[in-house]
Each structure stands twice: as C-alpha cells, then as structure tokens.
C-alpha cells in the first residue's frame, strides 16, 4: 500500500476519533500522517458525514477508472485485421479510413491487443537484394532525358516493369503504372520475353487510347521490341539510365505494394485470373497519402478523356 493512500483501518480510526471530537493534529500524529491528509479525507464525501466504508468504496471505484480509455473496440480490431490480411493496407491507410491515430495501432500491436502480428504488416521481411540479371540488356532506345516532364500534373505518362516469382523459371507479371495517378495495371505475361511484354503494352495502349501517351522502362531485354511497340501504337517509349531505379520511382513503389499480394517465392502460376483482377482492384482503390488520401482510380478517372 502506498504511503499516500489511506487503508480502510486508518479510515476507521479517522471516523472514530473524529466522532469523538479529536483534533486533526492528534489524529495525524496518531496515524503518522500529515494534517492536510486528514483534512482532505474528512472532506472527501463533501456534504455528508464522514464514513470510513463510504470513503473506501469511493476510492476503490475511482481506482478502477484510472488511466486513459482505449478506443480499440472489437469492431475496430476486426476492421484492422481485415485491412491488413485481406486488403493489405498499411497502418497509415487504416488510420486515414478510421480517423484513429496511426501510433495507436503500433502501441496496440506492441501490447499484443491486435489479432495480427508484426510479420503480417505490409513490406515486412521483404529483402531488397536483387539477383543478377541474366536476360541481357536491351539496345538503348530513346533516353529519359528527352521525356517531357509535366510534374505529374496530368495522366498518360506510364512506367513499366516486370515482377518475378523469385524462381529461375516460371511466369512473370507486367506492371504498368501511371505517374500522375499511380493507377496500376498488372497483367500476366505469356513468357519472359520481349514479344510477351510488347503484346501487353500494345493492348494497354490500345485500350487507353489518348490516355496513354508515353511509357518509361529500364534496360531489361523484355523491352527489346520497343521500336515495334512505337510503330504499332504511335506511343513513345523512354529508357531510364542504367542502374537508376529512382528514375522509375513510381513503378518501384507500386511493385512494393504488389509484393504484399504476391510475395517473393510464390509461384505466379498459382495466382488465378480472378485473384489477379482482385489485386488490381484493391491496389487501385487503396487511398494514398501522396494523393491526399484519394485513390488512384479516382484521380485517373477524373482526368480520363473519352
């Protein structure tokens, strides 16, 4: 028992001595307490006679109400669990959707009050070491230095890349990302060759029409048929400088989001067409801080030309 907290026995003495008209100083001296402590205790119940039992009940009740009340309800816990496991959202995105402070989610996670674990958080345990490129390099086409920079003000400037399962053989995915809206189109490639990539880019460019103006890529050999792509679509393909992934930063960041759904080591053959459609939908309806918490689909749709 803390010295600052009176016990029930001490309160009983205070009631008995006070009823016997003992002075505050004599009660304080007998209990080895300060006079102010005795005075405060006698005035605890305000407009009613002092009772040791009533004072003790009041203290017990107040003690149970101490501490900051948590906002973590069962419904919020379920929403967080679904957001992480099903929608693959980050704590920042869930915080924006719920109006709850992001730091509270980390505190609840550290306290073991959430249904999820830290290993389930987005980007957890992802390694950034890349295997050595074995497919060769594409011939250098039009340099990124020739690309008109619109400061991400309007849609139509895309970046493209491939995502592998991590296996030496197997299928791959093509990711095509709009720099302004972050709209991400993920397609399954029929092979890991330039013909398969060209076919996907031609199809996307044809579907989007005037909403697809340029595409920026790296020097991977899958983009070797850039000239055929330009001839068939009338769109321009730009090549970033070698070993400069930051020049395609939008695509790199969106690929990291994609890894929440398709972690390295998972065979892309195991991803059904229905799941791939669902992944595209979730990525493009995910609110992003860089878009002022709007979704890529919203931003792209607003600027689309029909």
Protein backbone atom coordinates (compact mmCIF):
# COMPACT_ATOMS: atom_id res chain seq x y z
CA UNK A 1 0.00 0.00 0.00
CA UNK A 2 1.41 3.37 -0.94
CA UNK A 3 2.10 5.77 1.94
CA UNK A 4 -0.07 8.35 0.17
CA UNK A 5 -3.08 6.01 0.21
CA UNK A 6 -5.04 5.50 3.41
CA UNK A 7 -6.03 1.98 4.36
CA UNK A 8 -9.52 1.04 5.49
CA UNK A 9 -8.18 0.56 9.04
CA UNK A 10 -6.80 4.10 9.04
CA UNK A 11 -10.10 5.45 7.76
CA UNK A 12 -11.88 3.62 10.57
CA UNK A 13 -9.60 5.33 13.11
CA UNK A 14 -10.24 8.71 11.48
CA UNK A 15 -14.02 8.17 11.71
CA UNK A 16 -13.85 7.02 15.34
CA UNK A 17 -11.56 9.81 16.55
CA UNK A 18 -13.40 12.46 14.53
CA UNK A 19 -16.74 11.34 16.02
CA UNK A 20 -15.04 11.62 19.46
CA UNK A 21 -14.14 15.27 18.67
CA UNK A 22 -10.41 14.61 18.49
CA UNK A 23 -8.37 17.34 16.80
CA UNK A 24 -6.90 16.94 13.32
CA UNK A 25 -3.40 17.22 14.73
CA UNK A 26 -3.94 14.42 17.25
CA UNK A 27 -5.38 12.12 14.55
CA UNK A 28 -2.49 12.96 12.20
CA UNK A 29 0.07 12.35 14.95
CA UNK A 30 -1.50 9.01 15.87
CA UNK A 31 -1.53 7.77 12.22
CA UNK A 32 1.80 9.37 11.34
CA UNK A 33 0.09 11.32 8.57
CA UNK A 34 0.07 14.98 7.67
CA UNK A 35 -2.69 17.23 8.93
CA UNK A 36 -3.60 18.10 5.33
CA UNK A 37 -4.13 14.40 4.51
CA UNK A 38 -6.56 14.02 7.42
CA UNK A 39 -8.37 17.22 6.48
CA UNK A 40 -8.75 16.14 2.86
CA UNK A 41 -10.02 12.73 3.91
CA UNK A 42 -12.69 14.19 6.19
CA UNK A 43 -13.94 16.39 3.34
CA UNK A 44 -13.86 13.59 0.75
CA UNK A 45 -17.61 12.93 0.97
CA UNK A 46 -18.40 16.65 0.83
CA UNK A 47 -21.93 17.31 2.14
CA UNK A 48 -22.41 14.10 4.15
CA UNK A 49 -20.96 12.86 7.45
CA UNK A 50 -17.64 11.07 7.11
CA UNK A 51 -17.91 7.29 6.81
CA UNK A 52 -14.88 5.01 6.56
CA UNK A 53 -16.87 2.49 4.50
CA UNK A 54 -18.20 5.10 2.05
CA UNK A 55 -14.75 6.67 1.67
CA UNK A 56 -13.17 3.29 0.96
CA UNK A 57 -15.84 2.42 -1.66
CA UNK A 58 -15.30 5.77 -3.36
CA UNK A 59 -11.54 5.20 -3.52
CA UNK A 60 -11.96 1.71 -4.96
CA UNK A 61 -14.39 2.96 -7.61
CA UNK A 62 -12.08 5.78 -8.70
CA UNK A 63 -9.09 3.44 -8.87
CA UNK A 64 -10.86 1.23 -11.44
CA UNK A 65 -11.46 4.29 -13.63
CA UNK A 66 -7.83 5.38 -13.77
CA UNK A 67 -5.86 5.51 -16.99
CA UNK A 68 -6.71 6.59 -20.49
CA UNK A 69 -9.65 4.78 -22.01
CA UNK A 70 -8.84 2.80 -25.14
CA UNK A 71 -10.50 3.35 -28.48
CA UNK A 72 -9.84 -0.25 -29.52
CA UNK A 73 -13.25 -1.81 -29.83
CA UNK A 74 -13.99 -5.29 -31.11
CA UNK A 75 -15.28 -3.83 -34.38
CA UNK A 76 -12.16 -1.72 -34.86
CA UNK A 77 -9.96 -4.74 -34.13
CA UNK A 78 -11.83 -6.72 -36.80
CA UNK A 79 -11.50 -3.82 -39.27
CA UNK A 80 -7.74 -3.62 -38.69
CA UNK A 81 -7.37 -7.38 -39.11
CA UNK A 82 -9.31 -7.37 -42.39
CA UNK A 83 -7.42 -4.31 -43.61
CA UNK A 84 -4.03 -5.96 -43.07
CA UNK A 85 -4.82 -9.56 -44.01
CA UNK A 86 -7.38 -9.12 -46.78
CA UNK A 87 -6.97 -5.63 -48.23
CA UNK A 88 -3.22 -5.42 -47.48
CA UNK A 89 -3.48 -1.85 -46.24
CA UNK A 90 -0.84 -0.12 -44.14
CA UNK A 91 -1.45 1.32 -40.67
CA UNK A 92 -1.30 4.82 -42.20
CA UNK A 93 -4.09 3.97 -44.63
CA UNK A 94 -6.24 2.36 -41.93
CA UNK A 95 -5.69 5.40 -39.73
CA UNK A 96 -6.96 7.64 -42.51
CA UNK A 97 -10.06 5.49 -43.01
CA UNK A 98 -10.90 5.25 -39.30
CA UNK A 99 -9.75 8.63 -38.02
CA UNK A 100 -7.61 6.89 -35.38
CA UNK A 101 -4.02 7.93 -34.71
CA UNK A 102 -1.54 5.69 -36.52
CA UNK A 103 0.72 5.44 -33.46
CA UNK A 104 -2.15 3.82 -31.53
CA UNK A 105 -2.08 0.86 -33.92
CA UNK A 106 1.62 0.30 -33.25
CA UNK A 107 1.03 0.64 -29.49
CA UNK A 108 -1.80 -1.92 -29.58
CA UNK A 109 0.36 -4.23 -31.68
CA UNK A 110 3.24 -3.98 -29.19
CA UNK A 111 0.81 -4.65 -26.32
CA UNK A 112 -0.48 -7.77 -28.06
CA UNK A 113 -4.03 -6.41 -28.26
CA UNK A 114 -4.46 -6.84 -32.03
CA UNK A 115 -5.29 -10.07 -33.81
CA UNK A 116 -2.39 -9.62 -36.23
CA UNK A 117 1.37 -9.96 -35.78
CA UNK A 118 4.17 -7.68 -36.89
CA UNK A 119 5.11 -10.21 -39.58
CA UNK A 120 1.76 -9.61 -41.27
CA UNK A 121 2.36 -5.89 -41.75
CA UNK A 122 2.97 -4.69 -45.33
CA UNK A 123 6.60 -4.83 -46.53
CA UNK A 124 7.59 -6.93 -43.52
CA UNK A 125 10.61 -9.18 -44.18
CA UNK A 126 10.92 -8.07 -47.81
CA UNK A 127 14.55 -8.16 -48.91
CA UNK A 128 15.79 -5.70 -51.44
CA UNK A 129 18.76 -7.68 -52.67
CA UNK A 130 18.21 -8.44 -56.31
CA UNK A 131 19.55 -11.40 -58.22
CA UNK A 132 21.99 -10.76 -61.00
CA UNK A 133 20.37 -10.04 -64.34
CA UNK A 134 20.80 -12.99 -66.68
CA UNK A 135 18.49 -11.97 -69.50
CA UNK A 136 20.84 -9.41 -71.00
CA UNK A 137 20.18 -5.77 -71.77
CA UNK A 138 18.02 -4.19 -74.43
CA UNK A 139 19.51 -1.92 -77.03
CA UNK A 140 19.38 1.68 -75.89
CA UNK A 141 16.39 3.50 -77.32
CA UNK A 142 15.10 6.99 -76.62
CA UNK A 143 16.65 8.40 -73.44
CA UNK A 144 14.56 9.54 -70.49
CA UNK A 145 16.29 12.90 -70.87
CA UNK A 146 14.10 13.54 -73.92
CA UNK A 147 10.90 12.93 -71.99
CA UNK A 148 8.75 15.98 -71.33
CA UNK A 149 8.29 16.36 -67.60
CA UNK A 150 4.80 17.55 -66.71
CA UNK A 151 5.40 17.33 -62.98
CA UNK A 152 2.80 14.57 -62.61
CA UNK A 153 0.07 17.09 -63.37
CA UNK A 154 -1.74 15.06 -65.99
CA UNK A 155 -2.26 11.37 -66.60
CA UNK A 156 -0.76 9.47 -69.53
CA UNK A 157 2.93 9.10 -68.66
CA UNK A 158 3.40 5.49 -67.61
CA UNK A 159 6.25 3.39 -66.26
CA UNK A 160 6.52 -0.35 -66.87
CA UNK A 161 8.39 -3.23 -65.30
CA UNK A 162 8.22 -6.97 -64.66
CA UNK A 163 7.67 -8.78 -61.38
CA UNK A 164 9.00 -12.30 -60.99
CA UNK A 165 8.10 -15.02 -58.53
CA UNK A 166 11.71 -15.40 -57.47
CA UNK A 167 12.07 -18.75 -59.23
CA UNK A 168 14.54 -19.23 -62.07
CA UNK A 169 11.72 -20.36 -64.31
CA UNK A 170 8.03 -19.68 -64.40
CA UNK A 171 5.58 -16.97 -65.30
CA UNK A 172 6.01 -13.26 -64.69
CA UNK A 173 3.76 -10.25 -64.24
CA UNK A 174 3.91 -6.95 -66.09
CA UNK A 175 3.16 -3.80 -64.10
CA UNK A 176 2.24 -0.60 -65.91
CA UNK A 177 1.82 2.46 -63.67
CA UNK A 178 0.59 5.97 -64.40
CA UNK A 179 2.98 8.51 -62.86
CA UNK A 180 0.30 11.09 -62.00
CA UNK A 181 -2.49 8.96 -60.53
CA UNK A 182 -0.47 5.85 -59.56
CA UNK A 183 -3.07 3.76 -61.38
CA UNK A 184 -1.52 0.30 -61.65
CA UNK A 185 -2.34 -2.26 -64.33
CA UNK A 186 -0.98 -5.72 -63.58
CA UNK A 187 -1.07 -8.34 -66.34
CA UNK A 188 0.15 -11.90 -66.60
CA UNK A 189 2.88 -12.34 -69.23
CA UNK A 190 2.72 -15.32 -71.53
CA UNK A 191 6.51 -15.57 -71.29
CA UNK A 192 9.61 -13.80 -70.07
CA UNK A 193 10.47 -12.40 -73.47
CA UNK A 194 10.16 -9.15 -75.38
CA UNK A 195 7.30 -10.44 -77.50
CA UNK A 196 5.11 -11.09 -74.46
CA UNK A 197 5.87 -7.69 -72.97
CA UNK A 198 5.25 -5.90 -76.25
CA UNK A 199 1.87 -7.61 -76.60
CA UNK A 200 0.79 -6.45 -73.13
CA UNK A 201 1.92 -2.87 -73.69
CA UNK A 202 0.25 -2.68 -77.10
CA UNK A 203 -3.02 -3.99 -75.62
CA UNK A 204 -2.98 -1.49 -72.72
CA UNK A 205 -2.08 1.41 -75.00
CA UNK A 206 -4.91 0.47 -77.36
CA UNK A 207 -7.44 0.24 -74.53
CA UNK A 208 -6.50 3.60 -73.04
CA UNK A 209 -6.11 5.45 -76.33
CA UNK A 210 -5.28 9.13 -75.77
CA UNK A 211 -5.00 8.48 -72.03
CA UNK A 212 -1.74 6.63 -72.75
CA UNK A 213 0.99 8.95 -74.04
CA UNK A 214 4.40 7.56 -73.08
CA UNK A 215 5.98 4.71 -71.15
CA UNK A 216 9.34 4.71 -69.37
CA UNK A 217 11.20 1.43 -68.81
CA UNK A 218 14.57 0.09 -67.75
CA UNK A 219 17.09 -1.68 -69.98
CA UNK A 220 15.71 -5.18 -69.44
CA UNK A 221 15.72 -7.34 -72.52
CA UNK A 222 11.93 -7.70 -72.31
CA UNK A 223 11.73 -4.19 -73.80
CA UNK A 224 13.91 -5.02 -76.80
CA UNK A 225 10.97 -4.67 -79.19
CA UNK A 226 10.42 -1.03 -78.29
CA UNK A 227 10.59 0.01 -81.92
CA UNK A 228 7.79 -2.36 -82.88
CA UNK A 229 5.72 -1.06 -79.96
CA UNK A 230 6.15 2.54 -81.10
CA UNK A 231 5.35 1.68 -84.71
CA UNK A 232 2.16 -0.18 -83.80
CA UNK A 233 0.80 2.28 -81.25
CA UNK A 234 2.30 5.66 -82.09
CA UNK A 235 3.29 5.97 -78.41
CA UNK A 236 6.81 6.82 -77.25
CA UNK A 237 8.97 4.57 -75.08
CA UNK A 238 11.75 6.11 -72.99
CA UNK A 239 14.63 4.29 -71.34
CA UNK A 240 15.87 5.29 -67.90
CA UNK A 241 19.60 5.41 -67.26
CA UNK A 242 21.24 2.15 -66.33
CA UNK A 243 21.24 1.32 -62.61
CA UNK A 244 18.87 4.21 -61.88
CA UNK A 245 15.68 2.71 -60.42
CA UNK A 246 14.85 6.08 -58.86
CA UNK A 247 14.06 7.36 -62.36
CA UNK A 248 11.12 4.95 -62.32
CA UNK A 249 10.34 5.52 -58.67
CA UNK A 250 6.58 5.33 -59.11
CA UNK A 251 6.79 1.85 -60.60
CA UNK A 252 9.25 0.71 -57.93
CA UNK A 253 6.95 1.87 -55.13
CA UNK A 254 3.88 0.27 -56.66
CA UNK A 255 5.76 -3.00 -57.13
CA UNK A 256 6.45 -2.94 -53.39
CA UNK A 257 2.69 -2.67 -52.81
CA UNK A 258 2.14 -5.56 -55.24
CA UNK A 259 4.53 -7.68 -53.16
CA UNK A 260 2.01 -7.51 -50.32
CA UNK A 261 -0.25 -9.64 -52.51
CA UNK A 262 2.43 -11.59 -54.38
CA UNK A 263 5.36 -12.18 -52.02
CA UNK A 264 8.63 -13.41 -53.43
CA UNK A 265 8.72 -17.15 -53.74
CA UNK A 266 5.04 -17.52 -54.52
CA UNK A 267 4.67 -19.06 -58.00
CA UNK A 268 2.77 -16.71 -60.25
CA UNK A 269 1.18 -19.77 -61.83
CA UNK A 270 -0.73 -20.19 -58.55
CA UNK A 271 -2.42 -16.81 -58.99
CA UNK A 272 -5.77 -17.26 -60.69
CA UNK A 273 -7.14 -14.77 -63.18
CA UNK A 274 -9.90 -13.88 -60.71
CA UNK A 275 -7.32 -13.18 -57.99
CA UNK A 276 -5.30 -11.01 -60.36
CA UNK A 277 -8.40 -8.94 -61.11
CA UNK A 278 -9.00 -8.60 -57.37
CA UNK A 279 -5.39 -7.49 -56.80
CA UNK A 280 -5.74 -4.80 -59.46
CA UNK A 281 -8.95 -3.58 -57.85
CA UNK A 282 -7.52 -3.45 -54.33
CA UNK A 283 -4.37 -1.63 -55.41
CA UNK A 284 -6.31 0.99 -57.36
CA UNK A 285 -8.91 1.60 -54.67
CA UNK A 286 -6.33 1.95 -51.91
CA UNK A 287 -6.16 5.54 -50.54
CA UNK A 288 -2.66 7.02 -50.86
CA UNK A 289 -1.10 9.81 -48.82
CA UNK A 290 0.68 11.18 -51.92
CA UNK A 291 -2.78 11.66 -53.49
CA UNK A 292 -4.12 13.42 -50.41
CA UNK A 293 -5.71 10.12 -49.38
CA UNK A 294 -7.62 9.71 -52.61
CA UNK A 295 -7.41 6.52 -54.65
CA UNK A 296 -5.54 6.03 -57.95
CA UNK A 297 -8.80 5.11 -59.66
CA UNK A 298 -10.45 8.35 -58.54
CA UNK A 299 -7.61 10.54 -59.78
CA UNK A 300 -7.23 8.73 -63.10
CA UNK A 301 -10.99 8.69 -63.76
CA UNK A 302 -11.27 12.46 -63.22
CA UNK A 303 -8.76 13.20 -65.99
CA UNK A 304 -9.73 10.49 -68.45
CA UNK A 305 -10.60 11.52 -71.99
CA UNK A 306 -13.41 9.54 -73.59
